[in-house]
Amino acid sequence: MKTEPEDQTTGRHGNISPSLPVITLLTDFGTADYYVGAVKGAILSVNPSVVLVDITHEIPPQNIAAGAFTLLAAYKTFPAGTIHVAVVDPGVGSTRRPIIVSANEQFFVGPDNGLFSYIYDREPSHRTFHVTADRYFRPEPSTTFHGRDIFAPVAAALSKGIEVEEFGAEINDEVRLPSLQTPLRIINIDRFGNCVTNVTRDRSPKEIVVKGRTIEEFRRFYGEGDRESLFAIWGSAGFLELSVNGGSAAHVLGANRGDEIVVRHD
């Protein structure tokens, strides 16, 4: 009797995961240089049977908060067992620790510099491990390219089934950015100029004050209503965004990431 091939296997902790392990990449490397290709090569040299997914390589250089938001917005779309390699690492070569975070049945590999802060906030039962087992690193790691020489091969080893405890001791003093809960602020500005705030639906805002401007209009989609007027909209990442139909809210407001906002409820 002919049977169809299985396309799923039982992964770590009994979870169902794709038969080919998934490793995502999120960096501030851009694509003009060799860096992204070298990271992929280092992964494939350890495990050529992985699915590599680029989340983005266009995080603004050294902007840890932007990387943290982008990772938060993307990670839940991936299946159990996915390994996320995130490298926005201005402290490369210093005493900052390489870490693995286990959360939401996924893994996050990168520097302990706050890049995984919003994962910690969203997944309070996470576990974090300080990577010290240098047998999983590339030989003679460069002090300027841990993405290739430490994070990539560690992620590849994880994808081959090495248990997370094998990489180093568990820690509970991770470096963290300010909480997603407070203060209320703009946490990201996308390429369209939409200002993503950390306001969630449970706050039930009636109006938002930012940079001296009061925004009272709420819309369901970006193209609704008059052009070039400011409005608020619930974005796909689950946060309230400040937007302009056909324009840039960041430009209109003169806003920057980190600007504080005021929420009024009545």
Protein backbone atom coordinates (compact mmCIF):
# COMPACT_ATOMS: atom_id res chain seq x y z
CA MET A 1 0.00 0.00 0.00
CA LYS A 2 1.37 3.43 -0.95
CA THR A 3 1.55 6.00 1.82
CA GLU A 4 2.21 9.72 1.68
CA PRO A 5 5.51 10.89 3.22
CA GLU A 6 5.27 12.51 6.61
CA ASP A 7 5.86 16.27 6.60
CA GLN A 8 5.90 16.72 10.37
CA THR A 9 7.85 15.17 13.22
CA THR A 10 7.69 15.37 16.95
CA GLY A 11 10.09 18.08 18.06
CA ARG A 12 11.59 19.09 21.41
CA HIS A 13 9.35 18.69 24.45
CA GLY A 14 6.88 16.67 22.33
CA ASN A 15 5.78 19.61 20.18
CA ILE A 16 4.85 19.16 16.54
CA SER A 17 7.32 21.07 14.38
CA PRO A 18 8.23 21.12 10.68
CA SER A 19 10.43 18.25 9.51
CA LEU A 20 13.06 20.82 8.48
CA PRO A 21 14.14 23.14 11.31
CA VAL A 22 13.53 26.85 10.77
CA ILE A 23 16.15 29.47 11.60
CA THR A 24 15.26 33.13 11.18
CA LEU A 25 17.69 36.02 10.86
CA LEU A 26 17.16 39.58 12.08
CA THR A 27 20.10 42.00 11.88
CA ASP A 28 21.21 45.55 11.20
CA PHE A 29 23.76 44.32 8.64
CA GLY A 30 22.00 45.52 5.49
CA THR A 31 22.56 43.56 2.28
CA ALA A 32 25.36 45.48 0.57
CA ASP A 33 28.16 43.62 2.36
CA TYR A 34 29.09 39.99 2.88
CA TYR A 35 27.84 39.76 6.48
CA VAL A 36 24.43 38.15 5.94
CA GLY A 37 25.81 35.62 3.47
CA ALA A 38 28.60 34.68 5.88
CA VAL A 39 26.11 34.11 8.71
CA LYS A 40 24.03 31.86 6.47
CA GLY A 41 27.15 29.98 5.38
CA ALA A 42 28.16 29.39 8.99
CA ILE A 43 24.73 27.94 9.76
CA LEU A 44 24.63 25.72 6.68
CA SER A 45 28.14 24.43 7.39
CA VAL A 46 26.82 22.91 10.62
CA ASN A 47 23.35 21.92 9.41
CA PRO A 48 22.66 22.11 5.67
CA SER A 49 19.09 20.88 6.24
CA VAL A 50 17.61 24.05 7.70
CA VAL A 51 15.08 26.51 6.33
CA LEU A 52 16.57 30.01 6.56
CA VAL A 53 14.11 32.91 6.78
CA ASP A 54 15.15 36.56 6.65
CA ILE A 55 12.93 38.64 8.93
CA THR A 56 14.92 41.76 8.03
CA HIS A 57 18.46 43.03 7.75
CA GLU A 58 17.40 46.67 7.66
CA ILE A 59 17.18 47.46 11.38
CA PRO A 60 18.71 50.95 11.76
CA PRO A 61 22.39 50.44 12.66
CA GLN A 62 22.93 49.69 16.35
CA ASN A 63 19.27 50.43 17.19
CA ILE A 64 18.54 47.74 19.75
CA ALA A 65 15.01 48.99 20.51
CA ALA A 66 14.02 48.82 16.84
CA GLY A 67 15.32 45.26 16.65
CA ALA A 68 13.44 44.31 19.82
CA PHE A 69 10.15 45.63 18.42
CA THR A 70 10.56 43.93 15.04
CA LEU A 71 11.31 40.60 16.67
CA LEU A 72 8.26 40.99 18.92
CA ALA A 73 6.03 41.75 15.95
CA ALA A 74 7.23 38.71 13.97
CA TYR A 75 8.00 35.80 16.28
CA LYS A 76 4.49 34.45 16.91
CA THR A 77 3.94 33.81 13.21
CA PHE A 78 6.58 31.05 13.26
CA PRO A 79 6.03 27.41 14.25
CA ALA A 80 7.13 25.73 17.47
CA GLY A 81 10.81 24.87 17.41
CA THR A 82 11.83 27.91 15.36
CA ILE A 83 15.24 29.38 16.25
CA HIS A 84 15.58 33.15 15.90
CA VAL A 85 19.08 34.57 15.43
CA ALA A 86 18.97 38.29 16.22
CA VAL A 87 22.10 40.41 15.88
CA VAL A 88 21.96 44.12 16.63
CA ASP A 89 25.13 44.23 18.62
CA PRO A 90 27.02 47.48 19.20
CA GLY A 91 28.85 45.79 22.10
CA VAL A 92 30.31 42.95 20.02
CA GLY A 93 33.66 41.82 21.41
CA SER A 94 33.02 43.36 24.83
CA THR A 95 31.98 41.64 28.05
CA ARG A 96 28.30 41.46 27.05
CA ARG A 97 27.11 37.86 27.15
CA PRO A 98 25.94 35.65 24.29
CA ILE A 99 22.63 34.09 25.30
CA ILE A 100 19.88 31.68 24.29
CA VAL A 101 16.32 32.43 25.36
CA SER A 102 13.70 29.67 25.41
CA ALA A 103 10.19 31.08 25.15
CA ASN A 104 6.87 30.22 23.48
CA GLU A 105 8.33 26.85 22.38
CA GLN A 106 10.91 28.76 20.32
CA PHE A 107 14.53 29.83 20.81
CA PHE A 108 16.23 33.21 20.51
CA VAL A 109 19.99 33.46 20.03
CA GLY A 110 21.93 36.70 20.27
CA PRO A 111 23.60 39.24 22.56
CA ASP A 112 22.47 40.06 26.09
CA ASN A 113 21.99 43.77 25.41
CA GLY A 114 18.22 44.20 25.69
CA LEU A 115 17.41 42.89 22.22
CA PHE A 116 15.06 40.23 23.65
CA SER A 117 13.46 42.56 26.22
CA TYR A 118 10.00 42.55 24.66
CA ILE A 119 10.07 38.76 24.43
CA TYR A 120 10.74 38.68 28.17
CA ASP A 121 7.78 41.01 28.73
CA ARG A 122 5.44 39.00 26.51
CA GLU A 123 6.65 35.55 27.67
CA PRO A 124 7.18 35.78 31.48
CA SER A 125 7.86 32.03 31.76
CA HIS A 126 10.91 32.27 29.46
CA ARG A 127 14.29 30.79 30.40
CA THR A 128 17.65 32.37 29.53
CA PHE A 129 21.04 30.66 29.23
CA HIS A 130 24.50 32.22 29.13
CA VAL A 131 26.32 30.58 26.20
CA THR A 132 29.78 29.56 27.37
CA ALA A 133 30.28 26.18 25.62
CA ASP A 134 32.82 27.37 23.05
CA ARG A 135 33.00 23.93 21.45
CA TYR A 136 29.93 25.03 19.50
CA PHE A 137 31.65 28.21 18.19
CA ARG A 138 33.60 28.52 14.97
CA PRO A 139 37.37 28.13 15.50
CA GLU A 140 39.09 31.33 16.68
CA PRO A 141 36.00 33.57 16.74
CA SER A 142 36.49 37.11 15.52
CA THR A 143 35.97 39.83 18.13
CA THR A 144 34.00 41.84 15.57
CA PHE A 145 31.69 39.22 14.03
CA HIS A 146 29.95 37.13 16.67
CA GLY A 147 26.95 36.81 14.36
CA ARG A 148 28.98 34.51 12.12
CA ASP A 149 31.33 32.90 14.64
CA ILE A 150 29.14 32.40 17.75
CA PHE A 151 25.42 32.99 17.19
CA ALA A 152 25.16 31.25 13.81
CA PRO A 153 26.88 27.97 14.79
CA VAL A 154 25.11 27.89 18.15
CA ALA A 155 21.74 28.23 16.40
CA ALA A 156 22.72 25.50 13.95
CA ALA A 157 23.70 23.20 16.82
CA LEU A 158 20.32 23.86 18.45
CA SER A 159 18.64 22.95 15.17
CA LYS A 160 20.35 19.55 15.28
CA GLY A 161 18.76 18.75 18.62
CA ILE A 162 21.42 19.79 21.14
CA GLU A 163 19.61 20.55 24.39
CA VAL A 164 19.68 24.18 25.45
CA GLU A 165 21.20 23.30 28.82
CA GLU A 166 24.33 22.06 27.03
CA PHE A 167 25.31 25.59 26.01
CA GLY A 168 25.72 27.11 29.46
CA ALA A 169 24.18 27.96 32.81
CA GLU A 170 20.73 29.44 33.25
CA ILE A 171 20.68 33.12 34.29
CA ASN A 172 17.98 35.51 35.49
CA ASP A 173 19.69 38.91 35.31
CA GLU A 174 19.27 39.69 31.61
CA VAL A 175 19.84 43.22 30.34
CA ARG A 176 16.46 44.85 29.66
CA LEU A 177 15.10 47.87 27.86
CA PRO A 178 12.34 49.91 29.54
CA SER A 179 9.18 47.84 29.93
CA LEU A 180 6.57 47.68 27.20
CA GLN A 181 4.02 48.79 29.80
CA THR A 182 5.52 52.09 30.95
CA PRO A 183 6.21 54.81 30.18
CA LEU A 184 3.67 55.28 27.40
CA ARG A 185 5.72 56.16 24.35
CA ILE A 186 6.43 55.66 20.67
CA ILE A 187 8.27 52.34 20.42
CA ASN A 188 8.78 52.16 16.66
CA ILE A 189 8.50 54.22 13.49
CA ASP A 190 8.10 52.17 10.33
CA ARG A 191 9.25 53.06 6.83
CA PHE A 192 5.87 54.65 6.07
CA GLY A 193 6.19 57.04 9.01
CA ASN A 194 3.56 55.30 11.15
CA CYS A 195 4.35 55.85 14.84
CA VAL A 196 3.77 52.64 16.77
CA THR A 197 3.02 53.25 20.44
CA ASN A 198 3.00 50.80 23.34
CA VAL A 199 -0.71 51.49 23.95
CA THR A 200 -2.75 48.27 23.93
CA ARG A 201 -6.50 47.80 23.56
CA ASP A 202 -7.06 47.22 27.27
CA ARG A 203 -6.29 50.89 27.92
CA SER A 204 -9.37 51.96 25.89
CA PRO A 205 -8.01 55.37 24.87
CA LYS A 206 -10.34 58.14 23.66
CA GLU A 207 -7.57 60.48 22.54
CA ILE A 208 -3.78 60.62 22.37
CA VAL A 209 -1.55 63.62 23.01
CA VAL A 210 1.92 63.59 21.45
CA LYS A 211 4.31 66.47 20.80
CA GLY A 212 1.57 68.93 21.81
CA ARG A 213 -0.93 67.54 19.29
CA THR A 214 -4.19 65.89 20.32
CA ILE A 215 -5.42 63.02 18.15
CA GLU A 216 -9.08 62.13 18.60
CA GLU A 217 -9.92 60.35 15.36
CA PHE A 218 -9.71 56.56 15.21
CA ARG A 219 -9.88 54.70 11.89
CA ARG A 220 -10.24 51.07 10.84
CA PHE A 221 -7.77 51.12 7.93
CA TYR A 222 -5.08 53.45 6.62
CA GLY A 223 -6.93 54.68 3.54
CA GLU A 224 -10.13 55.56 5.33
CA GLY A 225 -11.26 59.19 5.50
CA ASP A 226 -9.53 62.43 4.58
CA ARG A 227 -5.96 62.46 3.35
CA GLU A 228 -3.12 64.14 5.21
CA SER A 229 -4.92 64.26 8.56
CA LEU A 230 -3.60 62.59 11.74
CA PHE A 231 -5.49 59.62 13.14
CA ALA A 232 -5.02 56.60 15.39
CA ILE A 233 -5.38 52.99 14.23
CA TRP A 234 -4.90 49.56 15.78
CA GLY A 235 -1.94 48.05 13.93
CA SER A 236 -1.19 44.45 13.04
CA ALA A 237 1.27 44.05 15.95
CA GLY A 238 -1.53 44.78 18.42
CA PHE A 239 -0.46 48.31 19.33
CA LEU A 240 -2.03 51.70 18.66
CA GLU A 241 -0.39 53.52 15.75
CA LEU A 242 -0.45 57.20 14.86
CA SER A 243 -0.78 57.62 11.11
CA VAL A 244 -1.44 59.98 8.23
CA ASN A 245 -3.35 58.85 5.14
CA GLY A 246 -0.88 59.32 2.29
CA GLY A 247 1.84 60.81 4.46
CA SER A 248 4.20 60.34 7.39
CA ALA A 249 2.89 60.84 10.90
CA ALA A 250 6.45 60.98 12.19
CA HIS A 251 7.19 63.90 9.84
CA VAL A 252 3.94 65.74 10.63
CA LEU A 253 4.47 65.37 14.38
CA GLY A 254 8.24 65.78 14.38
CA ALA A 255 8.23 62.56 16.38
CA ASN A 256 11.02 60.16 17.22
CA ARG A 257 11.20 56.70 18.74
CA GLY A 258 11.06 57.07 22.52
CA ASP A 259 8.88 60.21 22.58
CA GLU A 260 6.41 59.97 25.45
CA ILE A 261 2.66 60.23 24.89
CA VAL A 262 -0.40 60.90 27.03
CA VAL A 263 -3.56 58.77 26.85
CA ARG A 264 -6.90 60.27 27.81
CA HIS A 265 -9.86 58.04 28.51
CA ASP A 266 -12.71 60.58 28.54
